[in-house]
Amino acid sequence: MGTMTYLATVTTFLTGLVSAAAIVLGIALIALATPAIRSNHTARITRHESIPTYYRGLVLGH
């Protein structure tokens, strides 16, 4: 196996590994954020606030 073939194989493997890790991380972040978003949904709707405005207030208010 030539050097270029080896490098292409390693690069393809690492690209797949990084892509899989990014997908898993994205799913984990969504799973962690869902309970907080659901619990704050009612309060946000009753105040007629947009999502960015509501969560900006939560972050900056502490």
PDB file of N, CA and C in Angstrom:
ATOM      1  N   MET A   1       0.848  -1.171   0.000  1.00  0.00           N
ATOM      2  CA  MET A   1       0.000   0.000   0.000  1.00  0.00           C
ATOM      3  C   MET A   1       0.894   1.234   0.000  1.00  0.00           C
ATOM      4  N   GLY A   2       0.646   2.156  -0.910  1.00  0.00           N
ATOM      5  CA  GLY A   2       1.459   3.358  -1.009  1.00  0.00           C
ATOM      6  C   GLY A   2       1.115   4.362   0.071  1.00  0.00           C
ATOM      7  N   THR A   3       1.973   5.327   0.233  1.00  0.00           N
ATOM      8  CA  THR A   3       1.780   6.349   1.261  1.00  0.00           C
ATOM      9  C   THR A   3       0.498   7.134   1.046  1.00  0.00           C
ATOM     10  N   MET A   4       0.214   7.505  -0.201  1.00  0.00           N
ATOM     11  CA  MET A   4      -0.986   8.289  -0.478  1.00  0.00           C
ATOM     12  C   MET A   4      -2.261   7.492  -0.196  1.00  0.00           C
ATOM     13  N   THR A   5      -2.237   6.219  -0.496  1.00  0.00           N
ATOM     14  CA  THR A   5      -3.399   5.371  -0.219  1.00  0.00           C
ATOM     15  C   THR A   5      -3.617   5.260   1.280  1.00  0.00           C
ATOM     16  N   TYR A   6      -2.532   5.112   2.021  1.00  0.00           N
ATOM     17  CA  TYR A   6      -2.625   5.023   3.483  1.00  0.00           C
ATOM     18  C   TYR A   6      -3.181   6.322   4.063  1.00  0.00           C
ATOM     19  N   LEU A   7      -2.681   7.450   3.603  1.00  0.00           N
ATOM     20  CA  LEU A   7      -3.155   8.736   4.102  1.00  0.00           C
ATOM     21  C   LEU A   7      -4.630   8.957   3.769  1.00  0.00           C
ATOM     22  N   ALA A   8      -5.031   8.543   2.576  1.00  0.00           N
ATOM     23  CA  ALA A   8      -6.436   8.679   2.197  1.00  0.00           C
ATOM     24  C   ALA A   8      -7.326   7.819   3.089  1.00  0.00           C
ATOM     25  N   THR A   9      -6.863   6.631   3.413  1.00  0.00           N
ATOM     26  CA  THR A   9      -7.624   5.738   4.282  1.00  0.00           C
ATOM     27  C   THR A   9      -7.747   6.321   5.685  1.00  0.00           C
ATOM     28  N   VAL A  10      -6.661   6.830   6.217  1.00  0.00           N
ATOM     29  CA  VAL A  10      -6.671   7.422   7.557  1.00  0.00           C
ATOM     30  C   VAL A  10      -7.551   8.665   7.576  1.00  0.00           C
ATOM     31  N   THR A  11      -7.442   9.499   6.560  1.00  0.00           N
ATOM     32  CA  THR A  11      -8.238  10.717   6.487  1.00  0.00           C
ATOM     33  C   THR A  11      -9.729  10.388   6.407  1.00  0.00           C
ATOM     34  N   THR A  12     -10.087   9.413   5.617  1.00  0.00           N
ATOM     35  CA  THR A  12     -11.485   9.013   5.509  1.00  0.00           C
ATOM     36  C   THR A  12     -12.004   8.489   6.839  1.00  0.00           C
ATOM     37  N   PHE A  13     -11.209   7.668   7.516  1.00  0.00           N
ATOM     38  CA  PHE A  13     -11.612   7.138   8.818  1.00  0.00           C
ATOM     39  C   PHE A  13     -11.794   8.261   9.834  1.00  0.00           C
ATOM     40  N   LEU A  14     -10.836   9.182   9.898  1.00  0.00           N
ATOM     41  CA  LEU A  14     -10.929  10.279  10.867  1.00  0.00           C
ATOM     42  C   LEU A  14     -12.099  11.207  10.563  1.00  0.00           C
ATOM     43  N   THR A  15     -12.379  11.443   9.294  1.00  0.00           N
ATOM     44  CA  THR A  15     -13.524  12.266   8.919  1.00  0.00           C
ATOM     45  C   THR A  15     -14.821  11.598   9.374  1.00  0.00           C
ATOM     46  N   GLY A  16     -14.927  10.314   9.169  1.00  0.00           N
ATOM     47  CA  GLY A  16     -16.107   9.581   9.627  1.00  0.00           C
ATOM     48  C   GLY A  16     -16.231   9.591  11.138  1.00  0.00           C
ATOM     49  N   LEU A  17     -15.123   9.454  11.825  1.00  0.00           N
ATOM     50  CA  LEU A  17     -15.125   9.467  13.286  1.00  0.00           C
ATOM     51  C   LEU A  17     -15.563  10.820  13.831  1.00  0.00           C
ATOM     52  N   VAL A  18     -15.031  11.888  13.275  1.00  0.00           N
ATOM     53  CA  VAL A  18     -15.402  13.234  13.714  1.00  0.00           C
ATOM     54  C   VAL A  18     -16.867  13.508  13.387  1.00  0.00           C
ATOM     55  N   SER A  19     -17.331  13.069  12.241  1.00  0.00           N
ATOM     56  CA  SER A  19     -18.737  13.255  11.873  1.00  0.00           C
ATOM     57  C   SER A  19     -19.664  12.511  12.823  1.00  0.00           C
ATOM     58  N   ALA A  20     -19.316  11.290  13.147  1.00  0.00           N
ATOM     59  CA  ALA A  20     -20.130  10.507  14.080  1.00  0.00           C
ATOM     60  C   ALA A  20     -20.140  11.159  15.462  1.00  0.00           C
ATOM     61  N   ALA A  21     -19.006  11.655  15.901  1.00  0.00           N
ATOM     62  CA  ALA A  21     -18.936  12.327  17.202  1.00  0.00           C
ATOM     63  C   ALA A  21     -19.786  13.596  17.209  1.00  0.00           C
ATOM     64  N   ALA A  22     -19.784  14.326  16.114  1.00  0.00           N
ATOM     65  CA  ALA A  22     -20.591  15.543  16.031  1.00  0.00           C
ATOM     66  C   ALA A  22     -22.084  15.216  16.080  1.00  0.00           C
ATOM     67  N   ILE A  23     -22.477  14.151  15.429  1.00  0.00           N
ATOM     68  CA  ILE A  23     -23.887  13.747  15.456  1.00  0.00           C
ATOM     69  C   ILE A  23     -24.296  13.323  16.862  1.00  0.00           C
ATOM     70  N   VAL A  24     -23.461  12.541  17.521  1.00  0.00           N
ATOM     71  CA  VAL A  24     -23.763  12.105  18.889  1.00  0.00           C
ATOM     72  C   VAL A  24     -23.826  13.305  19.823  1.00  0.00           C
ATOM     73  N   LEU A  25     -22.898  14.244  19.688  1.00  0.00           N
ATOM     74  CA  LEU A  25     -22.898  15.436  20.528  1.00  0.00           C
ATOM     75  C   LEU A  25     -24.148  16.276  20.286  1.00  0.00           C
ATOM     76  N   GLY A  26     -24.545  16.423  19.038  1.00  0.00           N
ATOM     77  CA  GLY A  26     -25.759  17.176  18.723  1.00  0.00           C
ATOM     78  C   GLY A  26     -26.994  16.548  19.331  1.00  0.00           C
ATOM     79  N   ILE A  27     -27.107  15.231  19.243  1.00  0.00           N
ATOM     80  CA  ILE A  27     -28.250  14.537  19.838  1.00  0.00           C
ATOM     81  C   ILE A  27     -28.238  14.691  21.361  1.00  0.00           C
ATOM     82  N   ALA A  28     -27.067  14.604  21.967  1.00  0.00           N
ATOM     83  CA  ALA A  28     -26.963  14.759  23.417  1.00  0.00           C
ATOM     84  C   ALA A  28     -27.359  16.171  23.849  1.00  0.00           C
ATOM     85  N   LEU A  29     -26.945  17.177  23.105  1.00  0.00           N
ATOM     86  CA  LEU A  29     -27.310  18.549  23.456  1.00  0.00           C
ATOM     87  C   LEU A  29     -28.812  18.776  23.335  1.00  0.00           C
ATOM     88  N   ILE A  30     -29.410  18.220  22.307  1.00  0.00           N
ATOM     89  CA  ILE A  30     -30.863  18.341  22.152  1.00  0.00           C
ATOM     90  C   ILE A  30     -31.570  17.631  23.301  1.00  0.00           C
ATOM     91  N   ALA A  31     -31.088  16.458  23.675  1.00  0.00           N
ATOM     92  CA  ALA A  31     -31.702  15.707  24.772  1.00  0.00           C
ATOM     93  C   ALA A  31     -31.577  16.447  26.099  1.00  0.00           C
ATOM     94  N   LEU A  32     -30.464  17.135  26.300  1.00  0.00           N
ATOM     95  CA  LEU A  32     -30.279  17.891  27.543  1.00  0.00           C
ATOM     96  C   LEU A  32     -31.101  19.178  27.566  1.00  0.00           C
ATOM     97  N   ALA A  33     -31.297  19.788  26.415  1.00  0.00           N
ATOM     98  CA  ALA A  33     -32.012  21.072  26.359  1.00  0.00           C
ATOM     99  C   ALA A  33     -33.527  20.902  26.396  1.00  0.00           C
ATOM    100  N   THR A  34     -34.039  19.769  25.963  1.00  0.00           N
ATOM    101  CA  THR A  34     -35.483  19.581  25.850  1.00  0.00           C
ATOM    102  C   THR A  34     -36.235  19.780  27.170  1.00  0.00           C
ATOM    103  N   PRO A  35     -35.813  19.201  28.289  1.00  0.00           N
ATOM    104  CA  PRO A  35     -36.575  19.420  29.533  1.00  0.00           C
ATOM    105  C   PRO A  35     -36.628  20.893  29.953  1.00  0.00           C
ATOM    106  N   ALA A  36     -35.535  21.619  29.797  1.00  0.00           N
ATOM    107  CA  ALA A  36     -35.519  23.027  30.171  1.00  0.00           C
ATOM    108  C   ALA A  36     -36.441  23.847  29.269  1.00  0.00           C
ATOM    109  N   ILE A  37     -36.429  23.543  28.001  1.00  0.00           N
ATOM    110  CA  ILE A  37     -37.286  24.277  27.066  1.00  0.00           C
ATOM    111  C   ILE A  37     -38.745  23.974  27.348  1.00  0.00           C
ATOM    112  N   ARG A  38     -39.072  22.724  27.625  1.00  0.00           N
ATOM    113  CA  ARG A  38     -40.461  22.363  27.922  1.00  0.00           C
ATOM    114  C   ARG A  38     -40.948  22.998  29.214  1.00  0.00           C
ATOM    115  N   SER A  39     -40.121  23.020  30.238  1.00  0.00           N
ATOM    116  CA  SER A  39     -40.559  23.578  31.523  1.00  0.00           C
ATOM    117  C   SER A  39     -40.735  25.091  31.458  1.00  0.00           C
ATOM    118  N   ASN A  40     -40.018  25.769  30.598  1.00  0.00           N
ATOM    119  CA  ASN A  40     -40.119  27.223  30.486  1.00  0.00           C
ATOM    120  C   ASN A  40     -41.102  27.669  29.413  1.00  0.00           C
ATOM    121  N   HIS A  41     -41.648  26.748  28.651  1.00  0.00           N
ATOM    122  CA  HIS A  41     -42.531  27.097  27.535  1.00  0.00           C
ATOM    123  C   HIS A  41     -43.766  27.859  28.011  1.00  0.00           C
ATOM    124  N   THR A  42     -44.419  27.391  29.060  1.00  0.00           N
ATOM    125  CA  THR A  42     -45.653  28.028  29.536  1.00  0.00           C
ATOM    126  C   THR A  42     -45.388  29.450  30.002  1.00  0.00           C
ATOM    127  N   ALA A  43     -44.325  29.654  30.764  1.00  0.00           N
ATOM    128  CA  ALA A  43     -44.003  30.999  31.252  1.00  0.00           C
ATOM    129  C   ALA A  43     -43.683  31.942  30.096  1.00  0.00           C
ATOM    130  N   ARG A  44     -42.986  31.445  29.104  1.00  0.00           N
ATOM    131  CA  ARG A  44     -42.619  32.270  27.968  1.00  0.00           C
ATOM    132  C   ARG A  44     -43.843  32.644  27.146  1.00  0.00           C
ATOM    133  N   ILE A  45     -44.756  31.706  26.955  1.00  0.00           N
ATOM    134  CA  ILE A  45     -45.955  31.971  26.159  1.00  0.00           C
ATOM    135  C   ILE A  45     -46.866  32.961  26.872  1.00  0.00           C
ATOM    136  N   THR A  46     -47.025  32.837  28.187  1.00  0.00           N
ATOM    137  CA  THR A  46     -47.895  33.768  28.905  1.00  0.00           C
ATOM    138  C   THR A  46     -47.335  35.189  28.897  1.00  0.00           C
ATOM    139  N   ARG A  47     -46.038  35.336  28.784  1.00  0.00           N
ATOM    140  CA  ARG A  47     -45.428  36.677  28.701  1.00  0.00           C
ATOM    141  C   ARG A  47     -45.350  37.200  27.271  1.00  0.00           C
ATOM    142  N   HIS A  48     -45.685  36.371  26.313  1.00  0.00           N
ATOM    143  CA  HIS A  48     -45.618  36.729  24.889  1.00  0.00           C
ATOM    144  C   HIS A  48     -44.209  37.165  24.493  1.00  0.00           C
ATOM    145  N   GLU A  49     -43.207  36.419  24.984  1.00  0.00           N
ATOM    146  CA  GLU A  49     -41.821  36.717  24.665  1.00  0.00           C
ATOM    147  C   GLU A  49     -41.304  35.747  23.613  1.00  0.00           C
ATOM    148  N   SER A  50     -40.400  36.241  22.806  1.00  0.00           N
ATOM    149  CA  SER A  50     -39.758  35.351  21.839  1.00  0.00           C
ATOM    150  C   SER A  50     -38.769  34.455  22.579  1.00  0.00           C
ATOM    151  N   ILE A  51     -38.355  33.400  21.928  1.00  0.00           N
ATOM    152  CA  ILE A  51     -37.417  32.461  22.548  1.00  0.00           C
ATOM    153  C   ILE A  51     -36.096  33.148  22.919  1.00  0.00           C
ATOM    154  N   PRO A  52     -35.468  33.911  21.999  1.00  0.00           N
ATOM    155  CA  PRO A  52     -34.201  34.563  22.392  1.00  0.00           C
ATOM    156  C   PRO A  52     -34.364  35.552  23.546  1.00  0.00           C
ATOM    157  N   THR A  53     -35.454  36.316  23.547  1.00  0.00           N
ATOM    158  CA  THR A  53     -35.664  37.303  24.605  1.00  0.00           C
ATOM    159  C   THR A  53     -35.846  36.625  25.956  1.00  0.00           C
ATOM    160  N   TYR A  54     -36.633  35.572  25.997  1.00  0.00           N
ATOM    161  CA  TYR A  54     -36.893  34.883  27.242  1.00  0.00           C
ATOM    162  C   TYR A  54     -35.623  34.274  27.836  1.00  0.00           C
ATOM    163  N   TYR A  55     -34.882  33.533  27.023  1.00  0.00           N
ATOM    164  CA  TYR A  55     -33.684  32.865  27.545  1.00  0.00           C
ATOM    165  C   TYR A  55     -32.552  33.851  27.812  1.00  0.00           C
ATOM    166  N   ARG A  56     -32.512  34.960  27.099  1.00  0.00           N
ATOM    167  CA  ARG A  56     -31.522  36.004  27.408  1.00  0.00           C
ATOM    168  C   ARG A  56     -31.798  36.559  28.796  1.00  0.00           C
ATOM    169  N   GLY A  57     -33.071  36.756  29.132  1.00  0.00           N
ATOM    170  CA  GLY A  57     -33.430  37.224  30.464  1.00  0.00           C
ATOM    171  C   GLY A  57     -33.060  36.231  31.542  1.00  0.00           C
ATOM    172  N   LEU A  58     -33.233  34.948  31.275  1.00  0.00           N
ATOM    173  CA  LEU A  58     -32.852  33.929  32.253  1.00  0.00           C
ATOM    174  C   LEU A  58     -31.346  33.907  32.482  1.00  0.00           C
ATOM    175  N   VAL A  59     -30.591  34.026  31.409  1.00  0.00           N
ATOM    176  CA  VAL A  59     -29.129  33.952  31.530  1.00  0.00           C
ATOM    177  C   VAL A  59     -28.576  35.205  32.203  1.00  0.00           C
ATOM    178  N   LEU A  60     -29.050  36.377  31.784  1.00  0.00           N
ATOM    179  CA  LEU A  60     -28.499  37.625  32.314  1.00  0.00           C
ATOM    180  C   LEU A  60     -29.085  37.999  33.671  1.00  0.00           C
ATOM    181  N   GLY A  61     -30.182  37.383  34.057  1.00  0.00           N
ATOM    182  CA  GLY A  61     -30.831  37.727  35.318  1.00  0.00           C
ATOM    183  C   GLY A  61     -30.228  37.062  36.535  1.00  0.00           C
ATOM    184  N   HIS A  62     -29.313  36.148  36.355  1.00  0.00           N
ATOM    185  CA  HIS A  62     -28.751  35.448  37.506  1.00  0.00           C
ATOM    186  C   HIS A  62     -27.432  36.020  37.914  1.00  0.00           C
TER     187      HIS A  62
END
